[in-house]
ModelCIF file with pLDDT and N, C-alpha, C, O atoms, coordinates in Angstrom:
data_MODEL
#
_entry.id   MODEL 
#
_entity.id                         1 
_entity.type                       polymer 
_entity.pdbx_number_of_molecules   1 
#
_entity_poly.entity_id                      1 
_entity_poly.type                           'polypeptide(L)' 
_entity_poly.nstd_linkage                   no 
_entity_poly.nstd_monomer                   no 
_entity_poly.pdbx_seq_one_letter_code       ICVSSQVGCKMGCNFCASTLAGFKRNLTAGEIESQLHAAQH 
_entity_poly.pdbx_seq_one_letter_code_can   ICVSSQVGCKMGCNFCASTLAGFKRNLTAGEIESQLHAAQH 
_entity_poly.pdbx_strand_id                 A 
#
loop_
_entity_poly_seq.entity_id 
_entity_poly_seq.num 
_entity_poly_seq.mon_id 
_entity_poly_seq.hetero 
1 1  ILE n 
1 2  CYS n 
1 3  VAL n 
1 4  SER n 
1 5  SER n 
1 6  GLN n 
1 7  VAL n 
1 8  GLY n 
1 9  CYS n 
1 10 LYS n 
1 11 MET n 
1 12 GLY n 
1 13 CYS n 
1 14 ASN n 
1 15 PHE n 
1 16 CYS n 
1 17 ALA n 
1 18 SER n 
1 19 THR n 
1 20 LEU n 
1 21 ALA n 
1 22 GLY n 
1 23 PHE n 
1 24 LYS n 
1 25 ARG n 
1 26 ASN n 
1 27 LEU n 
1 28 THR n 
1 29 ALA n 
1 30 GLY n 
1 31 GLU n 
1 32 ILE n 
1 33 GLU n 
1 34 SER n 
1 35 GLN n 
1 36 LEU n 
1 37 HIS n 
1 38 ALA n 
1 39 ALA n 
1 40 GLN n 
1 41 HIS n 
#
_struct_asym.id          A 
_struct_asym.entity_id   1 
#
loop_
_ma_qa_metric.id 
_ma_qa_metric.mode 
_ma_qa_metric.name 
_ma_qa_metric.software_group_id 
_ma_qa_metric.type 
1 global pLDDT . pLDDT 
2 local  pLDDT . pLDDT 
#
_ma_qa_metric_global.metric_id      1 
_ma_qa_metric_global.metric_value   90.37 
_ma_qa_metric_global.model_id       1 
_ma_qa_metric_global.ordinal_id     1 
#
loop_
_ma_qa_metric_local.label_asym_id 
_ma_qa_metric_local.label_comp_id 
_ma_qa_metric_local.label_seq_id 
_ma_qa_metric_local.metric_id 
_ma_qa_metric_local.metric_value 
_ma_qa_metric_local.model_id 
_ma_qa_metric_local.ordinal_id 
A ILE 1  2 97.00 1 1  
A CYS 2  2 96.00 1 2  
A VAL 3  2 98.00 1 3  
A SER 4  2 97.00 1 4  
A SER 5  2 97.00 1 5  
A GLN 6  2 97.00 1 6  
A VAL 7  2 96.00 1 7  
A GLY 8  2 93.00 1 8  
A CYS 9  2 92.00 1 9  
A LYS 10 2 91.00 1 10 
A MET 11 2 88.00 1 11 
A GLY 12 2 83.00 1 12 
A CYS 13 2 83.00 1 13 
A ASN 14 2 76.00 1 14 
A PHE 15 2 71.00 1 15 
A CYS 16 2 74.00 1 16 
A ALA 17 2 70.00 1 17 
A SER 18 2 70.00 1 18 
A THR 19 2 67.00 1 19 
A LEU 20 2 70.00 1 20 
A ALA 21 2 72.00 1 21 
A GLY 22 2 82.00 1 22 
A PHE 23 2 90.00 1 23 
A LYS 24 2 94.00 1 24 
A ARG 25 2 96.00 1 25 
A ASN 26 2 97.00 1 26 
A LEU 27 2 98.00 1 27 
A THR 28 2 98.00 1 28 
A ALA 29 2 98.00 1 29 
A GLY 30 2 98.00 1 30 
A GLU 31 2 98.00 1 31 
A ILE 32 2 98.00 1 32 
A GLU 33 2 98.00 1 33 
A SER 34 2 98.00 1 34 
A GLN 35 2 98.00 1 35 
A LEU 36 2 98.00 1 36 
A HIS 37 2 98.00 1 37 
A ALA 38 2 98.00 1 38 
A ALA 39 2 98.00 1 39 
A GLN 40 2 97.00 1 40 
A HIS 41 2 97.00 1 41 
#
loop_
_atom_site.group_PDB 
_atom_site.id 
_atom_site.type_symbol 
_atom_site.label_atom_id 
_atom_site.label_alt_id 
_atom_site.label_comp_id 
_atom_site.label_asym_id 
_atom_site.label_entity_id 
_atom_site.label_seq_id 
_atom_site.pdbx_PDB_ins_code 
_atom_site.Cartn_x 
_atom_site.Cartn_y 
_atom_site.Cartn_z 
_atom_site.occupancy 
_atom_site.B_iso_or_equiv 
_atom_site.pdbx_formal_charge 
_atom_site.auth_seq_id 
_atom_site.auth_comp_id 
_atom_site.auth_asym_id 
_atom_site.auth_atom_id 
_atom_site.pdbx_PDB_model_num 
ATOM 1   N N  . ILE A 1 1  ? 10.235 0.591   9.183   1.00 97.00 ? 1  ILE A N  1 
ATOM 2   C CA . ILE A 1 1  ? 9.626  0.461   7.754   1.00 97.00 ? 1  ILE A CA 1 
ATOM 3   C C  . ILE A 1 1  ? 8.307  1.035   7.260   1.00 97.00 ? 1  ILE A C  1 
ATOM 4   O O  . ILE A 1 1  ? 7.212  1.162   7.807   1.00 97.00 ? 1  ILE A O  1 
ATOM 5   N N  . CYS A 1 2  ? 8.650  1.265   6.350   1.00 96.00 ? 2  CYS A N  1 
ATOM 6   C CA . CYS A 1 2  ? 6.948  2.335   5.955   1.00 96.00 ? 2  CYS A CA 1 
ATOM 7   C C  . CYS A 1 2  ? 5.956  1.428   4.755   1.00 96.00 ? 2  CYS A C  1 
ATOM 8   O O  . CYS A 1 2  ? 6.174  0.975   3.631   1.00 96.00 ? 2  CYS A O  1 
ATOM 9   N N  . VAL A 1 3  ? 4.904  1.457   5.590   1.00 98.00 ? 3  VAL A N  1 
ATOM 10  C CA . VAL A 1 3  ? 4.058  0.316   4.740   1.00 98.00 ? 3  VAL A CA 1 
ATOM 11  C C  . VAL A 1 3  ? 3.505  0.762   3.975   1.00 98.00 ? 3  VAL A C  1 
ATOM 12  O O  . VAL A 1 3  ? 3.486  1.971   3.744   1.00 98.00 ? 3  VAL A O  1 
ATOM 13  N N  . SER A 1 4  ? 2.662  -0.439  3.128   1.00 97.00 ? 4  SER A N  1 
ATOM 14  C CA . SER A 1 4  ? 1.672  0.472   2.277   1.00 97.00 ? 4  SER A CA 1 
ATOM 15  C C  . SER A 1 4  ? 0.136  -0.628  3.171   1.00 97.00 ? 4  SER A C  1 
ATOM 16  O O  . SER A 1 4  ? 0.009  -1.713  3.739   1.00 97.00 ? 4  SER A O  1 
ATOM 17  N N  . SER A 1 5  ? -0.754 0.605   2.759   1.00 97.00 ? 5  SER A N  1 
ATOM 18  C CA . SER A 1 5  ? -2.028 -0.451  3.439   1.00 97.00 ? 5  SER A CA 1 
ATOM 19  C C  . SER A 1 5  ? -2.904 -0.603  2.435   1.00 97.00 ? 5  SER A C  1 
ATOM 20  O O  . SER A 1 5  ? -3.865 -1.153  2.974   1.00 97.00 ? 5  SER A O  1 
ATOM 21  N N  . GLN A 1 6  ? -3.145 -0.451  1.335   1.00 97.00 ? 6  GLN A N  1 
ATOM 22  C CA . GLN A 1 6  ? -3.486 -0.574  0.358   1.00 97.00 ? 6  GLN A CA 1 
ATOM 23  C C  . GLN A 1 6  ? -3.168 -0.647  -0.989  1.00 97.00 ? 6  GLN A C  1 
ATOM 24  O O  . GLN A 1 6  ? -2.180 -0.050  -1.417  1.00 97.00 ? 6  GLN A O  1 
ATOM 25  N N  . VAL A 1 7  ? -3.878 -1.301  -1.705  1.00 96.00 ? 7  VAL A N  1 
ATOM 26  C CA . VAL A 1 7  ? -3.146 -1.662  -3.595  1.00 96.00 ? 7  VAL A CA 1 
ATOM 27  C C  . VAL A 1 7  ? -3.981 -0.677  -4.108  1.00 96.00 ? 7  VAL A C  1 
ATOM 28  O O  . VAL A 1 7  ? -5.130 -0.904  -4.486  1.00 96.00 ? 7  VAL A O  1 
ATOM 29  N N  . GLY A 1 8  ? -3.203 0.885   -4.145  1.00 93.00 ? 8  GLY A N  1 
ATOM 30  C CA . GLY A 1 8  ? -3.240 1.963   -4.757  1.00 93.00 ? 8  GLY A CA 1 
ATOM 31  C C  . GLY A 1 8  ? -4.340 2.945   -3.652  1.00 93.00 ? 8  GLY A C  1 
ATOM 32  O O  . GLY A 1 8  ? -4.554 2.875   -2.442  1.00 93.00 ? 8  GLY A O  1 
ATOM 33  N N  . CYS A 1 9  ? -4.774 3.681   -4.546  1.00 92.00 ? 9  CYS A N  1 
ATOM 34  C CA . CYS A 1 9  ? -5.245 4.885   -3.428  1.00 92.00 ? 9  CYS A CA 1 
ATOM 35  C C  . CYS A 1 9  ? -6.364 5.929   -3.940  1.00 92.00 ? 9  CYS A C  1 
ATOM 36  O O  . CYS A 1 9  ? -6.179 6.656   -4.916  1.00 92.00 ? 9  CYS A O  1 
ATOM 37  N N  . LYS A 1 10 ? -7.228 5.925   -3.379  1.00 91.00 ? 10 LYS A N  1 
ATOM 38  C CA . LYS A 1 10 ? -8.872 6.848   -3.495  1.00 91.00 ? 10 LYS A CA 1 
ATOM 39  C C  . LYS A 1 10 ? -8.745 8.030   -4.020  1.00 91.00 ? 10 LYS A C  1 
ATOM 40  O O  . LYS A 1 10 ? -9.429 8.498   -4.930  1.00 91.00 ? 10 LYS A O  1 
ATOM 41  N N  . MET A 1 11 ? -7.486 8.749   -3.209  1.00 88.00 ? 11 MET A N  1 
ATOM 42  C CA . MET A 1 11 ? -7.473 9.799   -2.442  1.00 88.00 ? 11 MET A CA 1 
ATOM 43  C C  . MET A 1 11 ? -7.310 10.839  -3.633  1.00 88.00 ? 11 MET A C  1 
ATOM 44  O O  . MET A 1 11 ? -8.287 11.536  -3.909  1.00 88.00 ? 11 MET A O  1 
ATOM 45  N N  . GLY A 1 12 ? -6.450 10.944  -4.159  1.00 83.00 ? 12 GLY A N  1 
ATOM 46  C CA . GLY A 1 12 ? -6.211 11.426  -5.298  1.00 83.00 ? 12 GLY A CA 1 
ATOM 47  C C  . GLY A 1 12 ? -5.455 12.933  -5.114  1.00 83.00 ? 12 GLY A C  1 
ATOM 48  O O  . GLY A 1 12 ? -5.646 14.032  -5.634  1.00 83.00 ? 12 GLY A O  1 
ATOM 49  N N  . CYS A 1 13 ? -4.605 12.475  -4.218  1.00 83.00 ? 13 CYS A N  1 
ATOM 50  C CA . CYS A 1 13 ? -3.431 14.167  -4.043  1.00 83.00 ? 13 CYS A CA 1 
ATOM 51  C C  . CYS A 1 13 ? -2.847 14.448  -5.004  1.00 83.00 ? 13 CYS A C  1 
ATOM 52  O O  . CYS A 1 13 ? -2.250 13.427  -5.345  1.00 83.00 ? 13 CYS A O  1 
ATOM 53  N N  . ASN A 1 14 ? -2.581 15.470  -5.880  1.00 76.00 ? 14 ASN A N  1 
ATOM 54  C CA . ASN A 1 14 ? -1.981 15.659  -6.911  1.00 76.00 ? 14 ASN A CA 1 
ATOM 55  C C  . ASN A 1 14 ? -0.327 15.651  -6.810  1.00 76.00 ? 14 ASN A C  1 
ATOM 56  O O  . ASN A 1 14 ? 0.433  16.023  -7.703  1.00 76.00 ? 14 ASN A O  1 
ATOM 57  N N  . PHE A 1 15 ? -0.045 15.265  -5.827  1.00 71.00 ? 15 PHE A N  1 
ATOM 58  C CA . PHE A 1 15 ? 1.792  15.625  -5.736  1.00 71.00 ? 15 PHE A CA 1 
ATOM 59  C C  . PHE A 1 15 ? 2.483  14.158  -4.916  1.00 71.00 ? 15 PHE A C  1 
ATOM 60  O O  . PHE A 1 15 ? 3.573  13.944  -4.387  1.00 71.00 ? 15 PHE A O  1 
ATOM 61  N N  . CYS A 1 16 ? 0.852  13.058  -5.192  1.00 74.00 ? 16 CYS A N  1 
ATOM 62  C CA . CYS A 1 16 ? 1.677  11.894  -4.976  1.00 74.00 ? 16 CYS A CA 1 
ATOM 63  C C  . CYS A 1 16 ? 1.723  10.806  -6.266  1.00 74.00 ? 16 CYS A C  1 
ATOM 64  O O  . CYS A 1 16 ? 0.913  10.974  -7.178  1.00 74.00 ? 16 CYS A O  1 
ATOM 65  N N  . ALA A 1 17 ? 2.686  9.682   -6.329  1.00 70.00 ? 17 ALA A N  1 
ATOM 66  C CA . ALA A 1 17 ? 2.536  8.666   -6.583  1.00 70.00 ? 17 ALA A CA 1 
ATOM 67  C C  . ALA A 1 17 ? 1.924  7.867   -6.806  1.00 70.00 ? 17 ALA A C  1 
ATOM 68  O O  . ALA A 1 17 ? 1.806  7.242   -7.860  1.00 70.00 ? 17 ALA A O  1 
ATOM 69  N N  . SER A 1 18 ? 1.295  7.721   -5.588  1.00 70.00 ? 18 SER A N  1 
ATOM 70  C CA . SER A 1 18 ? 0.732  6.318   -5.119  1.00 70.00 ? 18 SER A CA 1 
ATOM 71  C C  . SER A 1 18 ? -1.105 6.219   -5.629  1.00 70.00 ? 18 SER A C  1 
ATOM 72  O O  . SER A 1 18 ? -1.737 5.190   -5.388  1.00 70.00 ? 18 SER A O  1 
ATOM 73  N N  . THR A 1 19 ? -1.813 7.514   -6.386  1.00 67.00 ? 19 THR A N  1 
ATOM 74  C CA . THR A 1 19 ? -2.579 7.218   -7.110  1.00 67.00 ? 19 THR A CA 1 
ATOM 75  C C  . THR A 1 19 ? -2.776 6.725   -9.007  1.00 67.00 ? 19 THR A C  1 
ATOM 76  O O  . THR A 1 19 ? -3.689 6.206   -9.649  1.00 67.00 ? 19 THR A O  1 
ATOM 77  N N  . LEU A 1 20 ? -1.603 7.149   -9.297  1.00 70.00 ? 20 LEU A N  1 
ATOM 78  C CA . LEU A 1 20 ? -1.232 7.277   -10.530 1.00 70.00 ? 20 LEU A CA 1 
ATOM 79  C C  . LEU A 1 20 ? -1.728 5.425   -11.427 1.00 70.00 ? 20 LEU A C  1 
ATOM 80  O O  . LEU A 1 20 ? -2.005 5.143   -12.593 1.00 70.00 ? 20 LEU A O  1 
ATOM 81  N N  . ALA A 1 21 ? -1.650 4.794   -10.476 1.00 72.00 ? 21 ALA A N  1 
ATOM 82  C CA . ALA A 1 21 ? -2.378 3.083   -11.049 1.00 72.00 ? 21 ALA A CA 1 
ATOM 83  C C  . ALA A 1 21 ? -3.122 2.955   -10.984 1.00 72.00 ? 21 ALA A C  1 
ATOM 84  O O  . ALA A 1 21 ? -3.564 1.964   -11.566 1.00 72.00 ? 21 ALA A O  1 
ATOM 85  N N  . GLY A 1 22 ? -3.961 3.737   -10.284 1.00 82.00 ? 22 GLY A N  1 
ATOM 86  C CA . GLY A 1 22 ? -5.654 4.182   -9.689  1.00 82.00 ? 22 GLY A CA 1 
ATOM 87  C C  . GLY A 1 22 ? -5.640 2.720   -8.350  1.00 82.00 ? 22 GLY A C  1 
ATOM 88  O O  . GLY A 1 22 ? -4.622 2.047   -8.187  1.00 82.00 ? 22 GLY A O  1 
ATOM 89  N N  . PHE A 1 23 ? -6.810 2.496   -7.618  1.00 90.00 ? 23 PHE A N  1 
ATOM 90  C CA . PHE A 1 23 ? -7.187 1.811   -6.753  1.00 90.00 ? 23 PHE A CA 1 
ATOM 91  C C  . PHE A 1 23 ? -7.548 0.486   -7.006  1.00 90.00 ? 23 PHE A C  1 
ATOM 92  O O  . PHE A 1 23 ? -8.201 0.304   -8.033  1.00 90.00 ? 23 PHE A O  1 
ATOM 93  N N  . LYS A 1 24 ? -7.311 -0.362  -6.399  1.00 94.00 ? 24 LYS A N  1 
ATOM 94  C CA . LYS A 1 24 ? -7.800 -1.971  -6.589  1.00 94.00 ? 24 LYS A CA 1 
ATOM 95  C C  . LYS A 1 24 ? -8.356 -2.243  -5.352  1.00 94.00 ? 24 LYS A C  1 
ATOM 96  O O  . LYS A 1 24 ? -9.583 -2.233  -5.254  1.00 94.00 ? 24 LYS A O  1 
ATOM 97  N N  . ARG A 1 25 ? -7.573 -2.515  -4.264  1.00 96.00 ? 25 ARG A N  1 
ATOM 98  C CA . ARG A 1 25 ? -8.643 -3.103  -3.567  1.00 96.00 ? 25 ARG A CA 1 
ATOM 99  C C  . ARG A 1 25 ? -7.700 -2.946  -2.328  1.00 96.00 ? 25 ARG A C  1 
ATOM 100 O O  . ARG A 1 25 ? -6.607 -2.417  -2.529  1.00 96.00 ? 25 ARG A O  1 
ATOM 101 N N  . ASN A 1 26 ? -8.077 -3.424  -0.865  1.00 97.00 ? 26 ASN A N  1 
ATOM 102 C CA . ASN A 1 26 ? -7.263 -3.250  0.371   1.00 97.00 ? 26 ASN A CA 1 
ATOM 103 C C  . ASN A 1 26 ? -6.524 -4.328  0.526   1.00 97.00 ? 26 ASN A C  1 
ATOM 104 O O  . ASN A 1 26 ? -6.602 -5.454  0.034   1.00 97.00 ? 26 ASN A O  1 
ATOM 105 N N  . LEU A 1 27 ? -5.676 -3.761  1.397   1.00 98.00 ? 27 LEU A N  1 
ATOM 106 C CA . LEU A 1 27 ? -4.795 -5.090  2.253   1.00 98.00 ? 27 LEU A CA 1 
ATOM 107 C C  . LEU A 1 27 ? -5.435 -5.652  3.047   1.00 98.00 ? 27 LEU A C  1 
ATOM 108 O O  . LEU A 1 27 ? -6.524 -5.161  3.344   1.00 98.00 ? 27 LEU A O  1 
ATOM 109 N N  . THR A 1 28 ? -5.013 -6.847  3.663   1.00 98.00 ? 28 THR A N  1 
ATOM 110 C CA . THR A 1 28 ? -5.681 -7.368  4.337   1.00 98.00 ? 28 THR A CA 1 
ATOM 111 C C  . THR A 1 28 ? -4.593 -7.741  5.471   1.00 98.00 ? 28 THR A C  1 
ATOM 112 O O  . THR A 1 28 ? -3.514 -8.130  5.022   1.00 98.00 ? 28 THR A O  1 
ATOM 113 N N  . ALA A 1 29 ? -4.751 -7.663  7.220   1.00 98.00 ? 29 ALA A N  1 
ATOM 114 C CA . ALA A 1 29 ? -3.828 -7.281  8.195   1.00 98.00 ? 29 ALA A CA 1 
ATOM 115 C C  . ALA A 1 29 ? -2.903 -8.207  8.129   1.00 98.00 ? 29 ALA A C  1 
ATOM 116 O O  . ALA A 1 29 ? -1.731 -7.932  8.382   1.00 98.00 ? 29 ALA A O  1 
ATOM 117 N N  . GLY A 1 30 ? -3.325 -9.528  7.753   1.00 98.00 ? 30 GLY A N  1 
ATOM 118 C CA . GLY A 1 30 ? -2.266 -10.511 7.446   1.00 98.00 ? 30 GLY A CA 1 
ATOM 119 C C  . GLY A 1 30 ? -0.873 -9.470  6.358   1.00 98.00 ? 30 GLY A C  1 
ATOM 120 O O  . GLY A 1 30 ? 0.276  -9.168  6.681   1.00 98.00 ? 30 GLY A O  1 
ATOM 121 N N  . GLU A 1 31 ? -1.824 -9.111  4.752   1.00 98.00 ? 31 GLU A N  1 
ATOM 122 C CA . GLU A 1 31 ? -0.397 -9.030  3.915   1.00 98.00 ? 31 GLU A CA 1 
ATOM 123 C C  . GLU A 1 31 ? -0.215 -7.673  4.147   1.00 98.00 ? 31 GLU A C  1 
ATOM 124 O O  . GLU A 1 31 ? 0.540  -7.318  3.242   1.00 98.00 ? 31 GLU A O  1 
ATOM 125 N N  . ILE A 1 32 ? -0.524 -6.526  4.973   1.00 98.00 ? 32 ILE A N  1 
ATOM 126 C CA . ILE A 1 32 ? 0.204  -5.084  5.498   1.00 98.00 ? 32 ILE A CA 1 
ATOM 127 C C  . ILE A 1 32 ? 1.335  -5.738  6.347   1.00 98.00 ? 32 ILE A C  1 
ATOM 128 O O  . ILE A 1 32 ? 2.474  -5.318  6.140   1.00 98.00 ? 32 ILE A O  1 
ATOM 129 N N  . GLU A 1 33 ? 1.153  -6.753  7.315   1.00 98.00 ? 33 GLU A N  1 
ATOM 130 C CA . GLU A 1 33 ? 1.618  -7.962  8.023   1.00 98.00 ? 33 GLU A CA 1 
ATOM 131 C C  . GLU A 1 33 ? 3.284  -7.868  7.366   1.00 98.00 ? 33 GLU A C  1 
ATOM 132 O O  . GLU A 1 33 ? 4.342  -7.252  7.490   1.00 98.00 ? 33 GLU A O  1 
ATOM 133 N N  . SER A 1 34 ? 2.457  -9.238  6.404   1.00 98.00 ? 34 SER A N  1 
ATOM 134 C CA . SER A 1 34 ? 3.927  -9.626  5.456   1.00 98.00 ? 34 SER A CA 1 
ATOM 135 C C  . SER A 1 34 ? 5.124  -8.823  4.897   1.00 98.00 ? 34 SER A C  1 
ATOM 136 O O  . SER A 1 34 ? 6.103  -9.479  4.541   1.00 98.00 ? 34 SER A O  1 
ATOM 137 N N  . GLN A 1 35 ? 5.171  -6.864  4.726   1.00 98.00 ? 35 GLN A N  1 
ATOM 138 C CA . GLN A 1 35 ? 5.676  -6.623  4.141   1.00 98.00 ? 35 GLN A CA 1 
ATOM 139 C C  . GLN A 1 35 ? 7.156  -6.393  5.274   1.00 98.00 ? 35 GLN A C  1 
ATOM 140 O O  . GLN A 1 35 ? 8.338  -6.223  4.972   1.00 98.00 ? 35 GLN A O  1 
ATOM 141 N N  . LEU A 1 36 ? 6.681  -6.453  6.241   1.00 98.00 ? 36 LEU A N  1 
ATOM 142 C CA . LEU A 1 36 ? 7.365  -6.101  7.417   1.00 98.00 ? 36 LEU A CA 1 
ATOM 143 C C  . LEU A 1 36 ? 8.421  -7.974  7.580   1.00 98.00 ? 36 LEU A C  1 
ATOM 144 O O  . LEU A 1 36 ? 9.646  -7.879  7.660   1.00 98.00 ? 36 LEU A O  1 
ATOM 145 N N  . HIS A 1 37 ? 7.928  -9.093  7.600   1.00 98.00 ? 37 HIS A N  1 
ATOM 146 C CA . HIS A 1 37 ? 8.210  -10.195 7.271   1.00 98.00 ? 37 HIS A CA 1 
ATOM 147 C C  . HIS A 1 37 ? 8.866  -9.828  5.718   1.00 98.00 ? 37 HIS A C  1 
ATOM 148 O O  . HIS A 1 37 ? 9.795  -9.140  6.141   1.00 98.00 ? 37 HIS A O  1 
ATOM 149 N N  . ALA A 1 38 ? 8.979  -9.809  4.759   1.00 98.00 ? 38 ALA A N  1 
ATOM 150 C CA . ALA A 1 38 ? 9.334  -10.112 3.631   1.00 98.00 ? 38 ALA A CA 1 
ATOM 151 C C  . ALA A 1 38 ? 10.654 -9.455  3.952   1.00 98.00 ? 38 ALA A C  1 
ATOM 152 O O  . ALA A 1 38 ? 11.658 -10.029 3.531   1.00 98.00 ? 38 ALA A O  1 
ATOM 153 N N  . ALA A 1 39 ? 10.834 -8.099  4.780   1.00 98.00 ? 39 ALA A N  1 
ATOM 154 C CA . ALA A 1 39 ? 11.941 -7.367  4.894   1.00 98.00 ? 39 ALA A CA 1 
ATOM 155 C C  . ALA A 1 39 ? 12.699 -8.018  5.421   1.00 98.00 ? 39 ALA A C  1 
ATOM 156 O O  . ALA A 1 39 ? 13.750 -8.512  5.014   1.00 98.00 ? 39 ALA A O  1 
ATOM 157 N N  . GLN A 1 40 ? 11.970 -8.077  6.820   1.00 97.00 ? 40 GLN A N  1 
ATOM 158 C CA . GLN A 1 40 ? 13.662 -8.672  8.013   1.00 97.00 ? 40 GLN A CA 1 
ATOM 159 C C  . GLN A 1 40 ? 13.724 -9.840  7.507   1.00 97.00 ? 40 GLN A C  1 
ATOM 160 O O  . GLN A 1 40 ? 14.783 -10.280 7.955   1.00 97.00 ? 40 GLN A O  1 
ATOM 161 N N  . HIS A 1 41 ? 13.169 -10.794 6.718   1.00 97.00 ? 41 HIS A N  1 
ATOM 162 C CA . HIS A 1 41 ? 13.837 -12.375 6.285   1.00 97.00 ? 41 HIS A CA 1 
ATOM 163 C C  . HIS A 1 41 ? 14.772 -11.726 5.094   1.00 97.00 ? 41 HIS A C  1 
ATOM 164 O O  . HIS A 1 41 ? 15.500 -12.451 4.417   1.00 97.00 ? 41 HIS A O  1 
#
């Protein structure tokens, strides 16, 4: 699984879509892990 670590991204790399909708906040450790649980279930 490829997981996200933030809601959006600050880095601004011009070949990447992750920055397009802007940076909002960091994910908690639990939110990062929840991506695994949701996919596994």
